């Protein structure tokens, strides 16, 4: 398994380009980040705080989702 690199300062759009399947996770969390115009400039940490979440908690959710999908194949 390759290390999943998601950092708080990473731009939301860059994250979604690297891991397009995460758009579903944002939707489940009621975060419209994939469609947001600010996604190109806003960090994951900023997006998390704007939606009342702690950046480290959001990153854990995103990484867990990717790990789960990796195991499924």
PDB file of N, CA and C in Angstrom:
ATOM      1  N   UNK A   1       0.831  -1.193   0.000  1.00  0.00           N
ATOM      2  CA  UNK A   1       0.000   0.000   0.000  1.00  0.00           C
ATOM      3  C   UNK A   1       0.874   1.255   0.000  1.00  0.00           C
ATOM      4  N   UNK A   2       0.571   2.142  -0.870  1.00  0.00           N
ATOM      5  CA  UNK A   2       1.286   3.415  -0.929  1.00  0.00           C
ATOM      6  C   UNK A   2       0.771   4.340   0.173  1.00  0.00           C
ATOM      7  N   UNK A   3       1.658   5.175   0.674  1.00  0.00           N
ATOM      8  CA  UNK A   3       1.255   6.126   1.708  1.00  0.00           C
ATOM      9  C   UNK A   3       0.318   7.170   1.109  1.00  0.00           C
ATOM     10  N   UNK A   4      -0.741   7.427   1.820  1.00  0.00           N
ATOM     11  CA  UNK A   4      -1.714   8.424   1.388  1.00  0.00           C
ATOM     12  C   UNK A   4      -1.277   9.759   1.976  1.00  0.00           C
ATOM     13  N   UNK A   5      -0.961  10.698   1.107  1.00  0.00           N
ATOM     14  CA  UNK A   5      -0.458  11.986   1.565  1.00  0.00           C
ATOM     15  C   UNK A   5      -1.556  13.043   1.449  1.00  0.00           C
ATOM     16  N   UNK A   6      -2.134  13.352   2.582  1.00  0.00           N
ATOM     17  CA  UNK A   6      -3.121  14.427   2.662  1.00  0.00           C
ATOM     18  C   UNK A   6      -2.678  15.334   3.800  1.00  0.00           C
ATOM     19  N   UNK A   7      -2.409  16.568   3.464  1.00  0.00           N
ATOM     20  CA  UNK A   7      -1.925  17.534   4.453  1.00  0.00           C
ATOM     21  C   UNK A   7      -2.945  18.661   4.595  1.00  0.00           C
ATOM     22  N   UNK A   8      -3.031  19.268   5.785  1.00  0.00           N
ATOM     23  CA  UNK A   8      -4.006  20.335   6.021  1.00  0.00           C
ATOM     24  C   UNK A   8      -3.872  21.507   5.052  1.00  0.00           C
ATOM     25  N   UNK A   9      -2.645  21.808   4.622  1.00  0.00           N
ATOM     26  CA  UNK A   9      -2.426  22.964   3.743  1.00  0.00           C
ATOM     27  C   UNK A   9      -2.697  22.649   2.262  1.00  0.00           C
ATOM     28  N   UNK A  10      -2.953  21.384   1.965  1.00  0.00           N
ATOM     29  CA  UNK A  10      -3.242  20.974   0.580  1.00  0.00           C
ATOM     30  C   UNK A  10      -4.536  21.626   0.104  1.00  0.00           C
ATOM     31  N   UNK A  11      -4.541  22.094  -1.132  1.00  0.00           N
ATOM     32  CA  UNK A  11      -5.750  22.707  -1.700  1.00  0.00           C
ATOM     33  C   UNK A  11      -6.785  21.614  -1.980  1.00  0.00           C
ATOM     34  N   UNK A  12      -8.039  21.931  -1.744  1.00  0.00           N
ATOM     35  CA  UNK A  12      -9.123  20.965  -1.946  1.00  0.00           C
ATOM     36  C   UNK A  12      -9.121  20.463  -3.390  1.00  0.00           C
ATOM     37  N   UNK A  13      -8.950  21.337  -4.347  1.00  0.00           N
ATOM     38  CA  UNK A  13      -8.961  20.932  -5.759  1.00  0.00           C
ATOM     39  C   UNK A  13      -7.811  19.966  -6.064  1.00  0.00           C
ATOM     40  N   UNK A  14      -6.645  20.199  -5.482  1.00  0.00           N
ATOM     41  CA  UNK A  14      -5.506  19.297  -5.696  1.00  0.00           C
ATOM     42  C   UNK A  14      -5.804  17.919  -5.115  1.00  0.00           C
ATOM     43  N   UNK A  15      -6.415  17.902  -3.945  1.00  0.00           N
ATOM     44  CA  UNK A  15      -6.806  16.643  -3.313  1.00  0.00           C
ATOM     45  C   UNK A  15      -7.770  15.873  -4.217  1.00  0.00           C
ATOM     46  N   UNK A  16      -8.765  16.563  -4.743  1.00  0.00           N
ATOM     47  CA  UNK A  16      -9.762  15.898  -5.574  1.00  0.00           C
ATOM     48  C   UNK A  16      -9.195  15.456  -6.924  1.00  0.00           C
ATOM     49  N   UNK A  17      -8.198  16.157  -7.417  1.00  0.00           N
ATOM     50  CA  UNK A  17      -7.538  15.695  -8.648  1.00  0.00           C
ATOM     51  C   UNK A  17      -6.749  14.411  -8.375  1.00  0.00           C
ATOM     52  N   UNK A  18      -6.113  14.352  -7.208  1.00  0.00           N
ATOM     53  CA  UNK A  18      -5.333  13.175  -6.837  1.00  0.00           C
ATOM     54  C   UNK A  18      -6.218  11.993  -6.463  1.00  0.00           C
ATOM     55  N   UNK A  19      -7.349  12.281  -5.826  1.00  0.00           N
ATOM     56  CA  UNK A  19      -8.258  11.237  -5.339  1.00  0.00           C
ATOM     57  C   UNK A  19      -9.704  11.610  -5.666  1.00  0.00           C
ATOM     58  N   UNK A  20     -10.118  11.478  -6.915  1.00  0.00           N
ATOM     59  CA  UNK A  20     -11.458  11.916  -7.329  1.00  0.00           C
ATOM     60  C   UNK A  20     -12.606  11.254  -6.556  1.00  0.00           C
ATOM     61  N   UNK A  21     -12.382  10.039  -6.070  1.00  0.00           N
ATOM     62  CA  UNK A  21     -13.445   9.331  -5.341  1.00  0.00           C
ATOM     63  C   UNK A  21     -13.808  10.009  -4.022  1.00  0.00           C
ATOM     64  N   UNK A  22     -12.954  10.900  -3.547  1.00  0.00           N
ATOM     65  CA  UNK A  22     -13.246  11.587  -2.288  1.00  0.00           C
ATOM     66  C   UNK A  22     -14.392  12.584  -2.418  1.00  0.00           C
ATOM     67  N   UNK A  23     -14.800  12.904  -3.623  1.00  0.00           N
ATOM     68  CA  UNK A  23     -15.949  13.802  -3.810  1.00  0.00           C
ATOM     69  C   UNK A  23     -17.172  13.234  -3.109  1.00  0.00           C
ATOM     70  N   UNK A  24     -17.322  11.912  -3.124  1.00  0.00           N
ATOM     71  CA  UNK A  24     -18.457  11.252  -2.454  1.00  0.00           C
ATOM     72  C   UNK A  24     -18.403  11.469  -0.946  1.00  0.00           C
ATOM     73  N   UNK A  25     -17.204  11.441  -0.402  1.00  0.00           N
ATOM     74  CA  UNK A  25     -17.038  11.623   1.043  1.00  0.00           C
ATOM     75  C   UNK A  25     -17.447  13.039   1.437  1.00  0.00           C
ATOM     76  N   UNK A  26     -17.000  14.017   0.668  1.00  0.00           N
ATOM     77  CA  UNK A  26     -17.393  15.400   0.953  1.00  0.00           C
ATOM     78  C   UNK A  26     -18.920  15.538   0.902  1.00  0.00           C
ATOM     79  N   UNK A  27     -19.534  14.893  -0.066  1.00  0.00           N
ATOM     80  CA  UNK A  27     -20.990  14.967  -0.203  1.00  0.00           C
ATOM     81  C   UNK A  27     -21.682  14.345   1.019  1.00  0.00           C
ATOM     82  N   UNK A  28     -21.181  13.188   1.470  1.00  0.00           N
ATOM     83  CA  UNK A  28     -21.760  12.526   2.650  1.00  0.00           C
ATOM     84  C   UNK A  28     -21.637  13.395   3.901  1.00  0.00           C
ATOM     85  N   UNK A  29     -20.591  14.212   3.939  1.00  0.00           N
ATOM     86  CA  UNK A  29     -20.353  15.095   5.084  1.00  0.00           C
ATOM     87  C   UNK A  29     -21.062  16.445   4.926  1.00  0.00           C
ATOM     88  N   UNK A  30     -21.892  16.545   3.898  1.00  0.00           N
ATOM     89  CA  UNK A  30     -22.613  17.790   3.596  1.00  0.00           C
ATOM     90  C   UNK A  30     -21.662  18.954   3.347  1.00  0.00           C
ATOM     91  N   UNK A  31     -20.563  18.641   2.680  1.00  0.00           N
ATOM     92  CA  UNK A  31     -19.586  19.653   2.305  1.00  0.00           C
ATOM     93  C   UNK A  31     -19.586  19.735   0.777  1.00  0.00           C
ATOM     94  N   UNK A  32     -19.924  20.876   0.248  1.00  0.00           N
ATOM     95  CA  UNK A  32     -20.041  21.042  -1.201  1.00  0.00           C
ATOM     96  C   UNK A  32     -18.704  21.416  -1.835  1.00  0.00           C
ATOM     97  N   UNK A  33     -17.622  21.030  -1.206  1.00  0.00           N
ATOM     98  CA  UNK A  33     -16.275  21.417  -1.651  1.00  0.00           C
ATOM     99  C   UNK A  33     -15.970  21.066  -3.109  1.00  0.00           C
ATOM    100  N   UNK A  34     -16.362  19.895  -3.604  1.00  0.00           N
ATOM    101  CA  UNK A  34     -16.031  19.586  -5.002  1.00  0.00           C
ATOM    102  C   UNK A  34     -16.631  20.572  -6.007  1.00  0.00           C
ATOM    103  N   UNK A  35     -17.724  21.206  -5.660  1.00  0.00           N
ATOM    104  CA  UNK A  35     -18.373  22.151  -6.572  1.00  0.00           C
ATOM    105  C   UNK A  35     -18.085  23.607  -6.225  1.00  0.00           C
ATOM    106  N   UNK A  36     -17.401  23.819  -5.119  1.00  0.00           N
ATOM    107  CA  UNK A  36     -17.128  25.179  -4.644  1.00  0.00           C
ATOM    108  C   UNK A  36     -16.090  25.874  -5.510  1.00  0.00           C
ATOM    109  N   UNK A  37     -16.348  27.127  -5.824  1.00  0.00           N
ATOM    110  CA  UNK A  37     -15.403  27.907  -6.627  1.00  0.00           C
ATOM    111  C   UNK A  37     -14.095  28.151  -5.874  1.00  0.00           C
ATOM    112  N   UNK A  38     -14.149  28.112  -4.553  1.00  0.00           N
ATOM    113  CA  UNK A  38     -12.955  28.354  -3.750  1.00  0.00           C
ATOM    114  C   UNK A  38     -12.038  27.151  -3.632  1.00  0.00           C
ATOM    115  N   UNK A  39     -12.450  26.007  -4.146  1.00  0.00           N
ATOM    116  CA  UNK A  39     -11.670  24.775  -3.999  1.00  0.00           C
ATOM    117  C   UNK A  39     -10.257  24.891  -4.563  1.00  0.00           C
ATOM    118  N   UNK A  40     -10.072  25.726  -5.573  1.00  0.00           N
ATOM    119  CA  UNK A  40      -8.745  25.900  -6.162  1.00  0.00           C
ATOM    120  C   UNK A  40      -7.787  26.620  -5.212  1.00  0.00           C
ATOM    121  N   UNK A  41      -8.326  27.448  -4.333  1.00  0.00           N
ATOM    122  CA  UNK A  41      -7.490  28.279  -3.470  1.00  0.00           C
ATOM    123  C   UNK A  41      -7.576  27.943  -1.990  1.00  0.00           C
ATOM    124  N   UNK A  42      -8.601  27.208  -1.593  1.00  0.00           N
ATOM    125  CA  UNK A  42      -8.819  26.945  -0.168  1.00  0.00           C
ATOM    126  C   UNK A  42      -8.196  25.625   0.247  1.00  0.00           C
ATOM    127  N   UNK A  43      -7.577  25.646   1.410  1.00  0.00           N
ATOM    128  CA  UNK A  43      -6.938  24.439   1.934  1.00  0.00           C
ATOM    129  C   UNK A  43      -7.975  23.511   2.555  1.00  0.00           C
ATOM    130  N   UNK A  44      -7.558  22.288   2.763  1.00  0.00           N
ATOM    131  CA  UNK A  44      -8.416  21.311   3.430  1.00  0.00           C
ATOM    132  C   UNK A  44      -8.720  21.796   4.846  1.00  0.00           C
ATOM    133  N   UNK A  45      -7.723  22.357   5.512  1.00  0.00           N
ATOM    134  CA  UNK A  45      -7.922  22.864   6.874  1.00  0.00           C
ATOM    135  C   UNK A  45      -8.980  23.968   6.886  1.00  0.00           C
ATOM    136  N   UNK A  46      -8.899  24.879   5.934  1.00  0.00           N
ATOM    137  CA  UNK A  46      -9.870  25.977   5.857  1.00  0.00           C
ATOM    138  C   UNK A  46     -11.271  25.423   5.601  1.00  0.00           C
ATOM    139  N   UNK A  47     -11.382  24.506   4.649  1.00  0.00           N
ATOM    140  CA  UNK A  47     -12.682  23.914   4.325  1.00  0.00           C
ATOM    141  C   UNK A  47     -13.269  23.206   5.543  1.00  0.00           C
ATOM    142  N   UNK A  48     -12.439  22.485   6.262  1.00  0.00           N
ATOM    143  CA  UNK A  48     -12.908  21.781   7.459  1.00  0.00           C
ATOM    144  C   UNK A  48     -13.468  22.775   8.474  1.00  0.00           C
ATOM    145  N   UNK A  49     -12.694  23.817   8.764  1.00  0.00           N
ATOM    146  CA  UNK A  49     -13.139  24.810   9.755  1.00  0.00           C
ATOM    147  C   UNK A  49     -14.412  25.523   9.302  1.00  0.00           C
ATOM    148  N   UNK A  50     -14.535  25.790   8.024  1.00  0.00           N
ATOM    149  CA  UNK A  50     -15.732  26.467   7.499  1.00  0.00           C
ATOM    150  C   UNK A  50     -16.987  25.611   7.658  1.00  0.00           C
ATOM    151  N   UNK A  51     -16.785  24.301   7.808  1.00  0.00           N
ATOM    152  CA  UNK A  51     -17.914  23.387   7.960  1.00  0.00           C
ATOM    153  C   UNK A  51     -17.988  22.816   9.376  1.00  0.00           C
ATOM    154  N   UNK A  52     -17.334  23.497  10.313  1.00  0.00           N
ATOM    155  CA  UNK A  52     -17.432  23.121  11.726  1.00  0.00           C
ATOM    156  C   UNK A  52     -16.717  21.836  12.093  1.00  0.00           C
ATOM    157  N   UNK A  53     -15.702  21.484  11.327  1.00  0.00           N
ATOM    158  CA  UNK A  53     -14.953  20.265  11.605  1.00  0.00           C
ATOM    159  C   UNK A  53     -13.498  20.617  11.919  1.00  0.00           C
ATOM    160  N   UNK A  54     -12.844  19.747  12.651  1.00  0.00           N
ATOM    161  CA  UNK A  54     -11.422  19.922  12.916  1.00  0.00           C
ATOM    162  C   UNK A  54     -10.664  19.358  11.720  1.00  0.00           C
ATOM    163  N   UNK A  55      -9.652  20.075  11.238  1.00  0.00           N
ATOM    164  CA  UNK A  55      -8.905  19.600  10.072  1.00  0.00           C
ATOM    165  C   UNK A  55      -8.377  18.175  10.221  1.00  0.00           C
ATOM    166  N   UNK A  56      -7.831  17.856  11.387  1.00  0.00           N
ATOM    167  CA  UNK A  56      -7.270  16.511  11.574  1.00  0.00           C
ATOM    168  C   UNK A  56      -8.353  15.428  11.522  1.00  0.00           C
ATOM    169  N   UNK A  57      -9.565  15.752  11.977  1.00  0.00           N
ATOM    170  CA  UNK A  57     -10.664  14.782  11.905  1.00  0.00           C
ATOM    171  C   UNK A  57     -11.093  14.556  10.454  1.00  0.00           C
ATOM    172  N   UNK A  58     -11.181  15.635   9.671  1.00  0.00           N
ATOM    173  CA  UNK A  58     -11.551  15.507   8.271  1.00  0.00           C
ATOM    174  C   UNK A  58     -10.493  14.697   7.519  1.00  0.00           C
ATOM    175  N   UNK A  59      -9.233  14.974   7.772  1.00  0.00           N
ATOM    176  CA  UNK A  59      -8.162  14.253   7.091  1.00  0.00           C
ATOM    177  C   UNK A  59      -8.211  12.771   7.448  1.00  0.00           C
ATOM    178  N   UNK A  60      -8.495  12.454   8.698  1.00  0.00           N
ATOM    179  CA  UNK A  60      -8.605  11.047   9.103  1.00  0.00           C
ATOM    180  C   UNK A  60      -9.748  10.365   8.354  1.00  0.00           C
ATOM    181  N   UNK A  61     -10.892  11.021   8.245  1.00  0.00           N
ATOM    182  CA  UNK A  61     -12.030  10.465   7.519  1.00  0.00           C
ATOM    183  C   UNK A  61     -11.653  10.210   6.060  1.00  0.00           C
ATOM    184  N   UNK A  62     -10.990  11.171   5.432  1.00  0.00           N
ATOM    185  CA  UNK A  62     -10.600  11.033   4.034  1.00  0.00           C
ATOM    186  C   UNK A  62      -9.605   9.891   3.845  1.00  0.00           C
ATOM    187  N   UNK A  63      -8.597   9.814   4.714  1.00  0.00           N
ATOM    188  CA  UNK A  63      -7.604   8.748   4.618  1.00  0.00           C
ATOM    189  C   UNK A  63      -8.237   7.381   4.869  1.00  0.00           C
ATOM    190  N   UNK A  64      -9.108   7.296   5.865  1.00  0.00           N
ATOM    191  CA  UNK A  64      -9.771   6.024   6.161  1.00  0.00           C
ATOM    192  C   UNK A  64     -10.578   5.542   4.961  1.00  0.00           C
ATOM    193  N   UNK A  65     -11.257   6.465   4.294  1.00  0.00           N
ATOM    194  CA  UNK A  65     -12.035   6.105   3.109  1.00  0.00           C
ATOM    195  C   UNK A  65     -11.121   5.558   2.009  1.00  0.00           C
ATOM    196  N   UNK A  66     -10.009   6.222   1.783  1.00  0.00           N
ATOM    197  CA  UNK A  66      -9.073   5.756   0.757  1.00  0.00           C
ATOM    198  C   UNK A  66      -8.476   4.401   1.110  1.00  0.00           C
ATOM    199  N   UNK A  67      -8.128   4.201   2.369  1.00  0.00           N
ATOM    200  CA  UNK A  67      -7.581   2.910   2.803  1.00  0.00           C
ATOM    201  C   UNK A  67      -8.602   1.798   2.612  1.00  0.00           C
ATOM    202  N   UNK A  68      -9.859   2.075   2.947  1.00  0.00           N
ATOM    203  CA  UNK A  68     -10.913   1.084   2.808  1.00  0.00           C
ATOM    204  C   UNK A  68     -11.083   0.696   1.332  1.00  0.00           C
ATOM    205  N   UNK A  69     -11.068   1.678   0.452  1.00  0.00           N
ATOM    206  CA  UNK A  69     -11.207   1.405  -0.976  1.00  0.00           C
ATOM    207  C   UNK A  69      -9.996   0.653  -1.526  1.00  0.00           C
ATOM    208  N   UNK A  70      -8.825   0.944  -0.997  1.00  0.00           N
ATOM    209  CA  UNK A  70      -7.594   0.275  -1.420  1.00  0.00           C
ATOM    210  C   UNK A  70      -7.665  -1.221  -1.101  1.00  0.00           C
ATOM    211  N   UNK A  71      -8.214  -1.535   0.071  1.00  0.00           N
ATOM    212  CA  UNK A  71      -8.318  -2.933   0.488  1.00  0.00           C
ATOM    213  C   UNK A  71      -9.315  -3.694  -0.376  1.00  0.00           C
ATOM    214  N   UNK A  72     -10.371  -3.005  -0.825  1.00  0.00           N
ATOM    215  CA  UNK A  72     -11.383  -3.637  -1.668  1.00  0.00           C
ATOM    216  C   UNK A  72     -10.844  -3.959  -3.053  1.00  0.00           C
ATOM    217  N   UNK A  73      -9.887  -3.147  -3.474  1.00  0.00           N
ATOM    218  CA  UNK A  73      -9.283  -3.371  -4.788  1.00  0.00           C
ATOM    219  C   UNK A  73      -9.885  -2.622  -5.846  1.00  0.00           C
TER     220      UNK A  73
END
